[in-house]
C-alpha atoms as a PDB file:
ATOM      1  CA  MET A   1     181.070 -64.215-141.535  1.00  0.00           C
ATOM      2  CA  ASN A   2     179.907 -65.777-138.255  1.00  0.00           C
ATOM      3  CA  ASP A   3     179.308 -69.462-137.524  1.00  0.00           C
ATOM      4  CA  ARG A   4     175.559 -69.143-138.063  1.00  0.00           C
ATOM      5  CA  GLU A   5     176.036 -67.663-141.538  1.00  0.00           C
ATOM      6  CA  LEU A   6     178.565 -70.384-142.400  1.00  0.00           C
ATOM      7  CA  CYS A   7     176.018 -72.998-141.340  1.00  0.00           C
ATOM      8  CA  PHE A   8     173.342 -71.337-143.437  1.00  0.00           C
ATOM      9  CA  ASN A   9     175.508 -71.190-146.567  1.00  0.00           C
ATOM     10  CA  LYS A  10     176.750 -74.757-146.334  1.00  0.00           C
ATOM     11  CA  LEU A  11     174.747 -76.759-148.886  1.00  0.00           C
ATOM     12  CA  THR A  12     173.320 -79.964-147.447  1.00  0.00           C
ATOM     13  CA  PRO A  13     170.551 -80.488-149.977  1.00  0.00           C
ATOM     14  CA  TYR A  14     167.066 -81.644-149.223  1.00  0.00           C
ATOM     15  CA  VAL A  15     165.715 -84.262-151.629  1.00  0.00           C
ATOM     16  CA  PHE A  16     163.514 -82.123-153.858  1.00  0.00           C
ATOM     17  CA  SER A  17     161.202 -82.888-156.748  1.00  0.00           C
ATOM     18  CA  GLY A  18     159.437 -80.531-159.134  1.00  0.00           C
ATOM     19  CA  GLU A  19     156.388 -80.536-156.841  1.00  0.00           C
ATOM     20  CA  ASP A  20     158.553 -79.489-153.901  1.00  0.00           C
ATOM     21  CA  ALA A  21     159.973 -76.549-155.832  1.00  0.00           C
ATOM     22  CA  ALA A  22     156.434 -75.419-156.695  1.00  0.00           C
ATOM     23  CA  ILE A  23     155.401 -75.503-153.016  1.00  0.00           C
ATOM     24  CA  VAL A  24     158.494 -73.517-152.030  1.00  0.00           C
ATOM     25  CA  THR A  25     157.672 -70.903-154.691  1.00  0.00           C
ATOM     26  CA  ALA A  26     154.046 -70.630-153.516  1.00  0.00           C
ATOM     27  CA  THR A  27     155.172 -70.372-149.879  1.00  0.00           C
ATOM     28  CA  ARG A  28     157.556 -67.520-150.737  1.00  0.00           C
ATOM     29  CA  GLU A  29     154.647 -65.701-152.397  1.00  0.00           C
ATOM     30  CA  LEU A  30     152.458 -66.364-149.330  1.00  0.00           C
ATOM     31  CA  LEU A  31     155.088 -64.886-147.021  1.00  0.00           C
ATOM     32  CA  TRP A  32     155.648 -61.880-149.282  1.00  0.00           C
ATOM     33  CA  LYS A  33     151.916 -61.155-149.415  1.00  0.00           C
ATOM     34  CA  THR A  34     151.693 -61.457-145.632  1.00  0.00           C
ATOM     35  CA  ALA A  35     154.651 -59.121-145.154  1.00  0.00           C
ATOM     36  CA  ARG A  36     153.022 -56.489-147.387  1.00  0.00           C
ATOM     37  CA  SER A  37     149.523 -56.915-145.943  1.00  0.00           C
ATOM     38  CA  GLY A  38     149.890 -54.413-143.110  1.00  0.00           C
ATOM     39  CA  LEU A  39     148.983 -57.120-140.562  1.00  0.00           C
ATOM     40  CA  PRO A  40     152.445 -57.748-139.033  1.00  0.00           C
ATOM     41  CA  THR A  41     153.903 -55.667-136.245  1.00  0.00           C
ATOM     42  CA  ALA A  42     157.544 -54.631-136.636  1.00  0.00           C
ATOM     43  CA  ARG A  43     158.774 -57.650-134.685  1.00  0.00           C
ATOM     44  CA  GLN A  44     156.504 -60.041-136.576  1.00  0.00           C
ATOM     45  CA  LEU A  45     157.815 -58.604-139.833  1.00  0.00           C
ATOM     46  CA  GLU A  46     161.372 -59.423-138.780  1.00  0.00           C
ATOM     47  CA  ILE A  47     160.410 -63.052-138.208  1.00  0.00           C
ATOM     48  CA  ILE A  48     158.545 -63.289-141.517  1.00  0.00           C
ATOM     49  CA  ALA A  49     161.678 -61.938-143.194  1.00  0.00           C
ATOM     50  CA  GLN A  50     163.706 -64.736-141.551  1.00  0.00           C
ATOM     51  CA  ALA A  51     161.256 -67.305-142.906  1.00  0.00           C
ATOM     52  CA  LEU A  52     161.535 -65.757-146.365  1.00  0.00           C
ATOM     53  CA  GLN A  53     165.309 -66.056-146.155  1.00  0.00           C
ATOM     54  CA  VAL A  54     164.942 -69.776-145.492  1.00  0.00           C
ATOM     55  CA  PHE A  55     162.579 -70.346-148.423  1.00  0.00           C
ATOM     56  CA  GLU A  56     164.747 -68.240-150.729  1.00  0.00           C
ATOM     57  CA  ALA A  57     167.746 -70.438-149.854  1.00  0.00           C
ATOM     58  CA  LEU A  58     166.110 -73.882-150.091  1.00  0.00           C
ATOM     59  CA  PRO A  59     167.314 -76.538-150.813  1.00  0.00           C
ATOM     60  CA  ALA A  60     170.267 -75.239-148.810  1.00  0.00           C
ATOM     61  CA  LYS A  61     170.308 -76.145-145.139  1.00  0.00           C
ATOM     62  CA  THR A  62     168.244 -73.866-142.922  1.00  0.00           C
ATOM     63  CA  PRO A  63     169.698 -71.785-140.071  1.00  0.00           C
ATOM     64  CA  ASP A  64     168.911 -72.587-136.442  1.00  0.00           C
ATOM     65  CA  LEU A  65     165.501 -70.960-136.137  1.00  0.00           C
ATOM     66  CA  VAL A  66     162.352 -72.002-134.308  1.00  0.00           C
ATOM     67  CA  ILE A  67     159.516 -69.947-135.776  1.00  0.00           C
ATOM     68  CA  LYS A  68     155.926 -70.477-136.815  1.00  0.00           C
ATOM     69  CA  ILE A  69     153.682 -68.260-138.933  1.00  0.00           C
ATOM     70  CA  GLU A  70     149.923 -68.851-139.028  1.00  0.00           C
ATOM     71  CA  ILE A  71     147.551 -66.989-141.360  1.00  0.00           C
ATOM     72  CA  THR A  72     143.788 -67.429-140.965  1.00  0.00           C
ATOM     73  CA  GLY A  73     141.400 -66.318-143.688  1.00  0.00           C
ATOM     74  CA  PRO A  74     137.970 -64.719-143.387  1.00  0.00           C
ATOM     75  CA  ARG A  75     134.803 -66.702-142.871  1.00  0.00           C
ATOM     76  CA  ARG A  76     132.729 -67.137-146.008  1.00  0.00           C
ATOM     77  CA  LYS A  77     129.087 -68.206-146.264  1.00  0.00           C
ATOM     78  CA  PHE A  78     128.018 -70.848-148.795  1.00  0.00           C
ATOM     79  CA  GLY A  79     124.281 -71.311-148.418  1.00  0.00           C
ATOM     80  CA  SER A  80     123.667 -72.706-144.931  1.00  0.00           C
ATOM     81  CA  HIS A  81     127.303 -73.421-144.129  1.00  0.00           C
ATOM     82  CA  GLU A  82     130.433 -71.407-143.376  1.00  0.00           C
ATOM     83  CA  ILE A  83     134.084 -72.055-144.281  1.00  0.00           C
ATOM     84  CA  TYR A  84     137.398 -70.469-143.419  1.00  0.00           C
ATOM     85  CA  HIS A  85     140.940 -71.484-144.403  1.00  0.00           C
ATOM     86  CA  TRP A  86     144.347 -71.304-142.720  1.00  0.00           C
ATOM     87  CA  TRP A  87     147.973 -71.574-143.821  1.00  0.00           C
ATOM     88  CA  HIS A  88     150.837 -72.524-141.447  1.00  0.00           C
ATOM     89  CA  VAL A  89     154.577 -72.221-142.125  1.00  0.00           C
ATOM     90  CA  GLU A  90     156.893 -73.734-139.516  1.00  0.00           C
ATOM     91  CA  ILE A  91     160.678 -73.881-139.266  1.00  0.00           C
ATOM     92  CA  GLU A  92     162.330 -75.850-136.503  1.00  0.00           C
ATOM     93  CA  ASN A  93     166.061 -75.823-137.193  1.00  0.00           C
ATOM     94  CA  SER A  94     166.542 -78.120-140.208  1.00  0.00           C
ATOM     95  CA  TYR A  95     162.907 -79.280-140.289  1.00  0.00           C
ATOM     96  CA  VAL A  96     160.520 -77.214-142.396  1.00  0.00           C
ATOM     97  CA  SER A  97     156.795 -77.706-142.940  1.00  0.00           C
ATOM     98  CA  VAL A  98     153.890 -76.076-144.743  1.00  0.00           C
ATOM     99  CA  THR A  99     150.357 -77.144-143.849  1.00  0.00           C
ATOM    100  CA  THR A 100     147.037 -75.800-145.068  1.00  0.00           C
ATOM    101  CA  GLY A 101     143.478 -76.524-144.059  1.00  0.00           C
ATOM    102  CA  GLY A 102     140.417 -74.888-142.603  1.00  0.00           C
ATOM    103  CA  HIS A 103     137.144 -75.252-140.765  1.00  0.00           C
ATOM    104  CA  PHE A 104     133.690 -76.220-142.081  1.00  0.00           C
ATOM    105  CA  TYR A 105     130.576 -75.314-140.071  1.00  0.00           C
ATOM    106  CA  ARG A 106     126.900 -76.116-140.705  1.00  0.00           C
ATOM    107  CA  PRO A 107     124.334 -75.252-137.976  1.00  0.00           C
ATOM    108  CA  SER A 108     122.469 -78.551-138.407  1.00  0.00           C
ATOM    109  CA  THR A 109     125.538 -80.803-138.091  1.00  0.00           C
ATOM    110  CA  GLY A 110     128.151 -78.680-136.327  1.00  0.00           C
ATOM    111  CA  GLY A 111     131.705 -77.956-137.421  1.00  0.00           C
ATOM    112  CA  ASP A 112     134.942 -79.785-138.116  1.00  0.00           C
ATOM    113  CA  THR A 113     138.467 -78.958-139.229  1.00  0.00           C
ATOM    114  CA  PHE A 114     140.022 -80.276-142.431  1.00  0.00           C
ATOM    115  CA  SER A 115     143.523 -80.533-143.923  1.00  0.00           C
ATOM    116  CA  SER A 116     144.207 -79.824-147.592  1.00  0.00           C
ATOM    117  CA  LEU A 117     148.025 -80.033-147.705  1.00  0.00           C
ATOM    118  CA  ILE A 118     150.833 -81.367-145.517  1.00  0.00           C
ATOM    119  CA  TRP A 119     154.411 -80.806-146.725  1.00  0.00           C
ATOM    120  CA  LYS A 120     157.443 -81.579-144.533  1.00  0.00           C
ATOM    121  CA  ILE A 121     161.149 -81.711-145.321  1.00  0.00           C
ATOM    122  CA  ALA A 122     164.284 -82.823-143.484  1.00  0.00           C
ATOM    123  CA  PRO A 123     167.869 -82.975-144.788  1.00  0.00           C
ATOM    124  CA  ASP A 124     168.798 -86.097-146.809  1.00  0.00           C
ATOM    125  CA  PHE A 125     165.287 -87.548-146.644  1.00  0.00           C
ATOM    126  CA  ALA A 126     162.525 -87.705-149.220  1.00  0.00           C
ATOM    127  CA  THR A 127     159.863 -85.064-148.783  1.00  0.00           C
ATOM    128  CA  GLU A 128     156.634 -85.920-146.958  1.00  0.00           C
ATOM    129  CA  HIS A 129     153.893 -84.575-149.184  1.00  0.00           C
ATOM    130  CA  HIS A 130     150.159 -85.242-148.765  1.00  0.00           C
ATOM    131  CA  ASP A 131     147.493 -83.509-150.846  1.00  0.00           C
ATOM    132  CA  TYR A 132     143.912 -84.072-149.645  1.00  0.00           C
ATOM    133  CA  ILE A 133     141.990 -81.871-152.088  1.00  0.00           C
ATOM    134  CA  CYS A 134     140.302 -84.820-153.788  1.00  0.00           C
ATOM    135  CA  ASN A 135     138.730 -85.753-150.416  1.00  0.00           C
ATOM    136  CA  LEU A 136     137.237 -82.308-149.738  1.00  0.00           C
ATOM    137  CA  LYS A 137     134.051 -82.480-151.803  1.00  0.00           C
ATOM    138  CA  LEU A 138     132.099 -80.477-149.185  1.00  0.00           C
ATOM    139  CA  VAL A 139     134.542 -77.543-149.210  1.00  0.00           C
ATOM    140  CA  ASP A 140     133.123 -75.243-151.877  1.00  0.00           C
ATOM    141  CA  ASP A 141     136.159 -72.995-152.317  1.00  0.00           C
ATOM    142  CA  VAL A 142     138.991 -75.538-151.998  1.00  0.00           C
ATOM    143  CA  GLN A 143     141.902 -74.921-154.398  1.00  0.00           C
ATOM    144  CA  PRO A 144     145.436 -76.223-154.944  1.00  0.00           C
ATOM    145  CA  PHE A 145     147.952 -74.452-152.724  1.00  0.00           C
ATOM    146  CA  HIS A 146     149.462 -72.236-155.439  1.00  0.00           C
ATOM    147  CA  GLN A 147     145.997 -71.111-156.561  1.00  0.00           C
ATOM    148  CA  GLU A 148     144.987 -70.350-152.960  1.00  0.00           C
ATOM    149  CA  VAL A 149     148.032 -68.114-152.611  1.00  0.00           C
ATOM    150  CA  GLU A 150     147.337 -66.385-155.921  1.00  0.00           C
ATOM    151  CA  SER A 151     143.771 -65.586-154.851  1.00  0.00           C
ATOM    152  CA  LEU A 152     144.676 -64.196-151.413  1.00  0.00           C
ATOM    153  CA  ASP A 153     143.685 -60.538-151.203  1.00  0.00           C
ATOM    154  CA  PHE A 154     144.546 -59.080-147.809  1.00  0.00           C
ATOM    155  CA  SER A 155     143.118 -55.700-148.780  1.00  0.00           C
ATOM    156  CA  HIS A 156     139.681 -57.078-149.570  1.00  0.00           C
ATOM    157  CA  GLN A 157     138.752 -59.096-146.457  1.00  0.00           C
ATOM    158  CA  LYS A 158     139.969 -59.520-142.899  1.00  0.00           C
ATOM    159  CA  TYR A 159     142.728 -62.008-142.186  1.00  0.00           C
ATOM    160  CA  ALA A 160     144.311 -62.915-138.844  1.00  0.00           C
ATOM    161  CA  LEU A 161     148.020 -63.424-138.260  1.00  0.00           C
ATOM    162  CA  GLU A 162     149.897 -65.273-135.525  1.00  0.00           C
ATOM    163  CA  VAL A 163     153.687 -65.370-135.311  1.00  0.00           C
ATOM    164  CA  TYR A 164     155.664 -67.438-132.809  1.00  0.00           C
ATOM    165  CA  GLU A 165     159.354 -67.421-132.000  1.00  0.00           C
ATOM    166  CA  ASN A 166     160.780 -70.181-129.778  1.00  0.00           C
ATOM    167  CA  GLY A 167     157.218 -71.069-128.830  1.00  0.00           C
ATOM    168  CA  GLU A 168     156.293 -67.547-127.686  1.00  0.00           C
ATOM    169  CA  ASP A 169     153.451 -65.549-129.239  1.00  0.00           C
ATOM    170  CA  VAL A 170     155.095 -62.423-130.621  1.00  0.00           C
ATOM    171  CA  LEU A 171     151.782 -60.563-130.967  1.00  0.00           C
ATOM    172  CA  CYS A 172     150.943 -60.904-127.260  1.00  0.00           C
ATOM    173  CA  GLU A 173     154.425 -59.677-126.344  1.00  0.00           C
ATOM    174  CA  ASP A 174     154.030 -56.626-128.589  1.00  0.00           C
ATOM    175  CA  TYR A 175     150.686 -55.687-127.084  1.00  0.00           C
ATOM    176  CA  GLU A 176     151.796 -56.254-123.509  1.00  0.00           C
ATOM    177  CA  GLU A 177     154.754 -53.957-124.109  1.00  0.00           C
ATOM    178  CA  GLU A 178     153.139 -51.284-126.285  1.00  0.00           C
ATOM    179  CA  ALA A 179     149.420 -51.053-125.563  1.00  0.00           C
ATOM    180  CA  ASP A 180     147.975 -49.051-122.702  1.00  0.00           C
ATOM    181  CA  GLY A 181     144.365 -48.832-121.554  1.00  0.00           C
ATOM    182  CA  GLU A 182     143.431 -46.171-124.091  1.00  0.00           C
ATOM    183  CA  ALA A 183     144.785 -48.247-126.980  1.00  0.00           C
ATOM    184  CA  TRP A 184     142.661 -51.250-125.994  1.00  0.00           C
ATOM    185  CA  ALA A 185     139.598 -49.037-125.637  1.00  0.00           C
ATOM    186  CA  LYS A 186     140.004 -47.725-129.188  1.00  0.00           C
ATOM    187  CA  LEU A 187     139.959 -51.155-130.793  1.00  0.00           C
ATOM    188  CA  SER A 188     136.986 -51.784-133.050  1.00  0.00           C
ATOM    189  CA  PHE A 189     134.759 -54.821-132.602  1.00  0.00           C
ATOM    190  CA  GLN A 190     136.215 -56.463-135.725  1.00  0.00           C
ATOM    191  CA  ASP A 191     139.798 -55.823-134.567  1.00  0.00           C
ATOM    192  CA  ALA A 192     139.007 -57.326-131.153  1.00  0.00           C
ATOM    193  CA  VAL A 193     137.679 -60.475-132.821  1.00  0.00           C
ATOM    194  CA  LYS A 194     140.747 -60.649-135.052  1.00  0.00           C
ATOM    195  CA  LEU A 195     143.076 -60.449-132.051  1.00  0.00           C
ATOM    196  CA  LEU A 196     141.142 -63.112-130.157  1.00  0.00           C
ATOM    197  CA  GLU A 197     141.336 -65.408-133.178  1.00  0.00           C
ATOM    198  CA  SER A 198     145.064 -64.801-133.453  1.00  0.00           C
ATOM    199  CA  GLY A 199     145.323 -66.237-129.923  1.00  0.00           C
ATOM    200  CA  GLY A 200     143.604 -69.471-130.970  1.00  0.00           C
ATOM    201  CA  VAL A 201     140.046 -68.503-130.009  1.00  0.00           C
ATOM    202  CA  GLU A 202     137.345 -69.817-132.372  1.00  0.00           C
ATOM    203  CA  CYS A 203     134.699 -67.204-133.206  1.00  0.00           C
ATOM    204  CA  THR A 204     131.542 -67.735-135.269  1.00  0.00           C
ATOM    205  CA  TRP A 205     129.716 -64.754-136.758  1.00  0.00           C
ATOM    206  CA  LEU A 206     125.981 -64.442-136.214  1.00  0.00           C
ATOM    207  CA  ASP A 207     125.325 -63.390-139.803  1.00  0.00           C
ATOM    208  CA  GLN A 208     127.002 -62.017-142.914  1.00  0.00           C
ATOM    209  CA  THR A 209     126.928 -58.422-141.666  1.00  0.00           C
ATOM    210  CA  TYR A 210     129.896 -59.241-139.361  1.00  0.00           C
ATOM    211  CA  THR A 211     128.481 -56.999-136.644  1.00  0.00           C
ATOM    212  CA  SER A 212     127.569 -59.679-134.091  1.00  0.00           C
ATOM    213  CA  LEU A 213     129.033 -62.967-132.890  1.00  0.00           C
ATOM    214  CA  TYR A 214     127.052 -66.154-132.391  1.00  0.00           C
ATOM    215  CA  SER A 215     129.689 -68.082-130.428  1.00  0.00           C
ATOM    216  CA  VAL A 216     133.195 -67.866-128.972  1.00  0.00           C
ATOM    217  CA  ASP A 217     135.127 -71.005-128.011  1.00  0.00           C
ATOM    218  CA  LEU A 218     138.107 -70.785-125.609  1.00  0.00           C
ATOM    219  CA  ASN A 219     138.312 -74.496-124.821  1.00  0.00           C
ATOM    220  CA  GLU A 220     141.823 -75.128-123.395  1.00  0.00           C
ATOM    221  CA  ILE A 221     142.947 -71.600-124.372  1.00  0.00           C
ATOM    222  CA  GLU A 222     145.086 -69.444-122.074  1.00  0.00           C
ATOM    223  CA  LEU A 223     144.883 -65.668-122.541  1.00  0.00           C
ATOM    224  CA  THR A 224     146.538 -62.721-120.849  1.00  0.00           C
ATOM    225  CA  ASP A 225     144.348 -60.254-118.932  1.00  0.00           C
ATOM    226  CA  PRO A 226     144.605 -57.684-121.783  1.00  0.00           C
ATOM    227  CA  CYS A 227     143.328 -60.355-124.195  1.00  0.00           C
ATOM    228  CA  TYR A 228     140.357 -61.087-121.919  1.00  0.00           C
ATOM    229  CA  LYS A 229     139.708 -57.353-121.871  1.00  0.00           C
ATOM    230  CA  LEU A 230     139.007 -57.628-125.609  1.00  0.00           C
ATOM    231  CA  PHE A 231     135.620 -59.107-124.661  1.00  0.00           C
ATOM    232  CA  GLU A 232     134.571 -55.590-123.683  1.00  0.00           C
ATOM    233  CA  ARG A 233     134.621 -54.780-127.420  1.00  0.00           C
ATOM    234  CA  ILE A 234     132.086 -57.544-128.203  1.00  0.00           C
ATOM    235  CA  PRO A 235     128.541 -56.131-128.148  1.00  0.00           C
ATOM    236  CA  VAL A 236     126.469 -59.253-128.947  1.00  0.00           C
ATOM    237  CA  LEU A 237     127.194 -62.913-128.188  1.00  0.00           C
ATOM    238  CA  LYS A 238     124.945 -65.961-127.769  1.00  0.00           C
ATOM    239  CA  ILE A 239     127.304 -68.812-126.767  1.00  0.00           C
ATOM    240  CA  LEU A 240     130.522 -68.630-124.740  1.00  0.00           C
ATOM    241  CA  GLU A 241     132.512 -71.849-124.256  1.00  0.00           C
ATOM    242  CA  MET A 242     135.312 -71.411-121.681  1.00  0.00           C
ATOM    243  CA  ARG A 243     135.859 -74.909-120.320  1.00  0.00           C
ATOM    244  CA  ASN A 244     139.448 -75.794-119.366  1.00  0.00           C
ATOM    245  CA  SER A 245     140.509 -72.171-119.939  1.00  0.00           C
ATOM    246  CA  ASP A 246     142.282 -69.873-117.489  1.00  0.00           C
ATOM    247  CA  ILE A 247     139.217 -67.653-116.922  1.00  0.00           C
ATOM    248  CA  SER A 248     139.013 -66.589-113.268  1.00  0.00           C
ATOM    249  CA  ASP A 249     137.052 -64.285-110.965  1.00  0.00           C
ATOM    250  CA  ARG A 250     139.394 -61.484-112.001  1.00  0.00           C
ATOM    251  CA  THR A 251     138.707 -61.870-115.729  1.00  0.00           C
ATOM    252  CA  LEU A 252     134.982 -62.736-115.515  1.00  0.00           C
ATOM    253  CA  VAL A 253     134.317 -59.028-115.093  1.00  0.00           C
ATOM    254  CA  PHE A 254     135.065 -58.563-118.802  1.00  0.00           C
ATOM    255  CA  ILE A 255     131.940 -60.505-119.856  1.00  0.00           C
ATOM    256  CA  ASP A 256     129.320 -59.069-117.499  1.00  0.00           C
ATOM    257  CA  HIS A 257     128.054 -56.697-120.234  1.00  0.00           C
ATOM    258  CA  LEU A 258     127.040 -59.567-122.574  1.00  0.00           C
ATOM    259  CA  LYS A 259     123.307 -59.195-121.943  1.00  0.00           C
ATOM    260  CA  SER A 260     122.404 -61.375-124.946  1.00  0.00           C
ATOM    261  CA  LEU A 261     124.414 -64.387-123.697  1.00  0.00           C
ATOM    262  CA  GLU A 262     122.276 -67.542-123.548  1.00  0.00           C
ATOM    263  CA  TRP A 263     124.829 -70.340-123.025  1.00  0.00           C
ATOM    264  CA  LEU A 264     127.906 -70.156-120.776  1.00  0.00           C
ATOM    265  CA  CYS A 265     130.295 -72.991-119.922  1.00  0.00           C
ATOM    266  CA  LEU A 266     132.869 -72.424-117.148  1.00  0.00           C
ATOM    267  CA  ARG A 267     133.599 -76.125-116.575  1.00  0.00           C
ATOM    268  CA  ASN A 268     136.993 -76.982-115.050  1.00  0.00           C
ATOM    269  CA  THR A 269     138.061 -73.384-114.430  1.00  0.00           C
ATOM    270  CA  ASP A 270     139.206 -71.455-111.339  1.00  0.00           C
ATOM    271  CA  VAL A 271     135.931 -69.544-110.956  1.00  0.00           C
ATOM    272  CA  THR A 272     134.740 -69.272-107.326  1.00  0.00           C
ATOM    273  CA  ASP A 273     131.589 -68.115-105.518  1.00  0.00           C
ATOM    274  CA  GLU A 274     132.912 -64.555-105.629  1.00  0.00           C
ATOM    275  CA  GLY A 275     133.134 -64.570-109.412  1.00  0.00           C
ATOM    276  CA  LEU A 276     129.476 -65.520-109.882  1.00  0.00           C
ATOM    277  CA  ARG A 277     128.440 -61.971-108.982  1.00  0.00           C
ATOM    278  CA  TYR A 278     129.507 -60.966-112.480  1.00  0.00           C
ATOM    279  CA  LEU A 279     126.825 -63.261-113.929  1.00  0.00           C
ATOM    280  CA  ASN A 280     123.783 -61.662-112.311  1.00  0.00           C
ATOM    281  CA  SER A 281     123.564 -59.138-115.142  1.00  0.00           C
ATOM    282  CA  LEU A 282     123.225 -61.889-117.791  1.00  0.00           C
ATOM    283  CA  GLN A 283     119.449 -61.864-117.795  1.00  0.00           C
ATOM    284  CA  ASN A 284     119.093 -63.909-121.007  1.00  0.00           C
ATOM    285  CA  LEU A 285     121.286 -66.752-119.741  1.00  0.00           C
ATOM    286  CA  GLN A 286     119.582 -70.146-120.160  1.00  0.00           C
ATOM    287  CA  HIS A 287     122.408 -72.698-119.762  1.00  0.00           C
ATOM    288  CA  LEU A 288     125.218 -72.486-117.176  1.00  0.00           C
ATOM    289  CA  ASP A 289     127.893 -75.123-116.570  1.00  0.00           C
ATOM    290  CA  LEU A 290     129.890 -74.818-113.309  1.00  0.00           C
ATOM    291  CA  VAL A 291     131.125 -78.429-113.066  1.00  0.00           C
ATOM    292  CA  GLY A 292     134.684 -78.646-111.775  1.00  0.00           C
ATOM    293  CA  THR A 293     134.839 -75.049-110.512  1.00  0.00           C
ATOM    294  CA  ALA A 294     135.622 -73.844-106.980  1.00  0.00           C
ATOM    295  CA  VAL A 295     131.991 -72.815-106.359  1.00  0.00           C
ATOM    296  CA  VAL A 296     130.921 -74.200-102.950  1.00  0.00           C
ATOM    297  CA  GLY A 297     127.589 -72.516-102.239  1.00  0.00           C
ATOM    298  CA  PRO A 298     127.119 -68.851-101.338  1.00  0.00           C
ATOM    299  CA  GLY A 299     127.845 -67.623-104.840  1.00  0.00           C
ATOM    300  CA  LEU A 300     124.755 -69.421-106.140  1.00  0.00           C
ATOM    301  CA  MET A 301     122.700 -66.635-104.616  1.00  0.00           C
ATOM    302  CA  HIS A 302     123.942 -64.394-107.432  1.00  0.00           C
ATOM    303  CA  LEU A 303     121.962 -66.625-109.832  1.00  0.00           C
ATOM    304  CA  ARG A 304     118.587 -66.237-108.109  1.00  0.00           C
ATOM    305  CA  HIS A 305     117.440 -63.397-110.319  1.00  0.00           C
ATOM    306  CA  LEU A 306     118.313 -65.033-113.659  1.00  0.00           C
ATOM    307  CA  ALA A 307     114.700 -65.487-114.692  1.00  0.00           C
ATOM    308  CA  ASN A 308     115.540 -67.281-117.950  1.00  0.00           C
ATOM    309  CA  LEU A 309     118.046 -69.766-116.514  1.00  0.00           C
ATOM    310  CA  GLN A 310     116.774 -73.238-117.467  1.00  0.00           C
ATOM    311  CA  LYS A 311     119.710 -75.582-116.836  1.00  0.00           C
ATOM    312  CA  LEU A 312     122.496 -75.456-114.252  1.00  0.00           C
ATOM    313  CA  TYR A 313     125.254 -78.085-114.184  1.00  0.00           C
ATOM    314  CA  ILE A 314     127.321 -78.193-111.004  1.00  0.00           C
ATOM    315  CA  SER A 315     129.528 -80.551-108.974  1.00  0.00           C
ATOM    316  CA  GLY A 316     130.546 -80.932-105.330  1.00  0.00           C
ATOM    317  CA  PHE A 317     127.002 -80.641-103.913  1.00  0.00           C
ATOM    318  CA  GLN A 318     124.528 -83.067-102.346  1.00  0.00           C
ATOM    319  CA  HIS A 319     121.002 -83.078-103.734  1.00  0.00           C
ATOM    320  CA  HIS A 320     119.510 -81.374-100.649  1.00  0.00           C
ATOM    321  CA  ASP A 321     122.309 -78.877-100.061  1.00  0.00           C
ATOM    322  CA  LYS A 322     120.876 -75.715 -98.459  1.00  0.00           C
ATOM    323  CA  TRP A 323     122.230 -73.447-101.205  1.00  0.00           C
ATOM    324  CA  LEU A 324     120.620 -75.581-103.889  1.00  0.00           C
ATOM    325  CA  GLU A 325     117.319 -75.603-101.977  1.00  0.00           C
ATOM    326  CA  ILE A 326     117.300 -71.802-101.871  1.00  0.00           C
ATOM    327  CA  LEU A 327     118.091 -71.614-105.580  1.00  0.00           C
ATOM    328  CA  ARG A 328     115.331 -74.115-106.418  1.00  0.00           C
ATOM    329  CA  SER A 329     112.762 -72.141-104.457  1.00  0.00           C
ATOM    330  CA  GLU A 330     113.680 -68.772-105.979  1.00  0.00           C
ATOM    331  CA  CYS A 331     114.467 -70.004-109.482  1.00  0.00           C
ATOM    332  CA  PRO A 332     111.849 -72.777-109.979  1.00  0.00           C
ATOM    333  CA  GLN A 333     112.140 -72.814-113.771  1.00  0.00           C
ATOM    334  CA  CYS A 334     115.788 -73.965-113.541  1.00  0.00           C
ATOM    335  CA  GLU A 335     116.674 -77.679-113.648  1.00  0.00           C
ATOM    336  CA  ILE A 336     119.785 -78.447-111.582  1.00  0.00           C
ATOM    337  CA  TYR A 337     122.031 -81.325-112.657  1.00  0.00           C
ATOM    338  CA  LEU A 338     124.573 -82.652-110.146  1.00  0.00           C
ATOM    339  CA  ASN A 339     127.764 -84.148-111.526  1.00  0.00           C
END
């Protein structure tokens, strides 16, 4: 038996109550369902198995692992609003946590995240346990944690899975190593959305047919080039929020087919004049935000033929800059806002 196994088998109990035992049981069932769902890659399955080992052994001390497992449920419509739920299991050496929550979205008021459970344990300390269900009156399908797990049906609707080891996204590593160009090209639209969501991207469906997207939000998200290539699988999109992301001239090419795009934010990104040539095909574009980019002038000429462009936000220009004057004369319907 090696030192790690000796450490794992040495009992240094956590301070557990009956409620804690129930959460551990529900978490084991959550991990088992995830393992059997068909979602995990081989490497992800190994990490889920390690997490299961920890929850099978509790309240024994955990081994030295740094892993995180995040499951995101499908979006469900309830009248005019939309809800999805998520479940996170995290192990950082002797600290273990389970958190659950979701996202509520109503077109008239916007969206917001919510927490339904926070459970954290550390050796020789009382458990931190917060249950917020009584405060979630607006969440139509909220349930206690064990009931949520019981009702999970991975075969019925689409779920997304993220697995991290030592802070690294295992899914991205698998795809970078295993997927070639043909594999990416064969992905379905729904699978592309699922992979984007697994990277932290927020996607909102246009309707309940799940054939079109209304919006995609990459605010402060960093993606690999293959992940940006997933945008080629998206046929219809209205709003694309990319502020503070790592989008660049090189990866803008993957969105030039989005003819239905009406709102695009590239604020605080590395996009330059050269990259704007990929926008001249977006003939339905109405709102464009280029504040904080490296655009200095000539690239604005790629926007002259965007007949529906109504608002352009940009920084680093004087009001009577020659490039802006040309754009105003050839695109008179567009209001230009200098930041």
